Amino acid sequence: MDGLGAVAILDSLAACCRGDPALTGMAAQLQKKQQLASIRSSVPYNVQDKFRATPKVPCSPVSRRFGVSPEKISMLKEKCNSMFCTKSGQTSKPKLTNGDILTALIWISVTRAKQASSPTIPKGTLSTLSCLVEIRSILYPKLGTYIGNAMMTTQCVLPTQSTSRKTTDPIADISFIHEVALEIRNEIRSITTEQATRYVSHINTLDDWSSFQAQWAELFVSSIRHFDLYGLKFGSVLGPVANFDLPDPRISGMCWVMPARPVSGGARKMPLWELRIVLEEPVMECLKREPLFCWEPLFCWASDISQTIDHTSSLCPDHPATPSIFLYHGFIDQNWWAWQSADPDNRLYQLSGYTTESEPSTGWVDVTLDYSNLTSYKIIPDAPIEQVTSNKVRWKSGISNPFSAILPEIPRDETASVF
């Protein structure tokens, strides 16, 4: 079964735990299976394999989870959809989705990571991508909650030479992201009702299903982002879903876009794009340092002051202990200091946000100057915000780090390394 079939099983299990009627039954599933098996088309399915055979090499892939800010993807989508694509003398404005943009970003970043891990890749090498497309809603009549497998794959090809980074500024990649995302979108659109019908008909007429095998792509992307797994309720004993993950398959080149978590207040309005990626270890290490993958526009982090802080495109530095794709704290501090120092009398005391990352049972608590939970993890005594930010004389005299006002015993270079 595919992902949507697994979700139907989980949904039925949740209904069982709640004591609710079953969402589907054997009779309904048998009817859908017979419907699928009876599909025939008078037009043969044209099997086109764009992928070249690649040598099988031993590998030891690793599986890692990543998070991409929704603001980053939304910004890139807005920029890409503002571009006009001209092909064969026709000009059109494509409607790319967030998923198209994310898939393009992943594909470009993984291809560059492979190039970085193997600099001797010959010129003319092709990078290949397959996106899994669910066809229950494409076939007619629709298959609804069929729990079997009803998937087709797209075939996208990209010359690795075209992905070579010509600059360290990710902003310069926007036009390339647009081009790649457009190819992905066009391939997905090519799977029409007629195409899906021919595909299923072709499989139904095969005597040996194993004879129908497409070449394995270098990267497979499957999105279960819109599956409402966190909305499932498993009764009064088990309750709602706390966390969801996929078994560690160690199949190199697989990428899943995980289900969206619910957004529970706070500054973030959209859920993170969570990824589960499986790559060979050297490629994974290069992916963690790939500038386009790591880059975050600054306003994604400080939305309240996005109009006054410079929208810089600097890259996050490499940090061996943090396999994250977000900007690192030191970079945020640097920009925050530049913003505050422009008007210290007012901006020094402007605070926004809550005292906790998740909502307490008693409700959200706004942070104030007397919030006393600024901890240094026993490096120095904890201090409230007011004590850290109140020494205007030392601030204006050139001390760039306000913490140094309460750290006279720590040398300046050590202070910088701590904060």
Foldseek 3Di string as FASTA:
>chain_A
DDDLLVLLVVLQLLCVLAVHDGPDDPVLLVVLVVVLLPQADPDAADDDFPDDADDDDDFFKDKDKAWDFPVQLVVLQVVLQVDWDDDPNDIDRDRFDSVLLVVLLVQLLLLVLVCVLPVPPDFPDKAKEKEKDACQVQAPPHSPSNSDDGIDIFIDIDGSVVSDDPDLFLVVCSNVSSVSSVRVVVRNVVCHNVNSSNVSNNCSPDPDNVVDDHHDGQAYEYEPQASVQQPRANHPPPGGDPDDDDPGPLPARYKYFDYFDDDDDWDRDGGIRMMIHMHGPSSLVSSLVRQSQQWDFPCSPVVVCVVQFDRDRDGADDDVVDSHSYHDPLVNLVSLLVRCVVPVVPSLQDAFIFPDPHADPVGTHTAHQQPFPQDLPPPDDTGGNCQLRVPVVVVVVDDSGSNCVVVVPDDPVVVSVSD
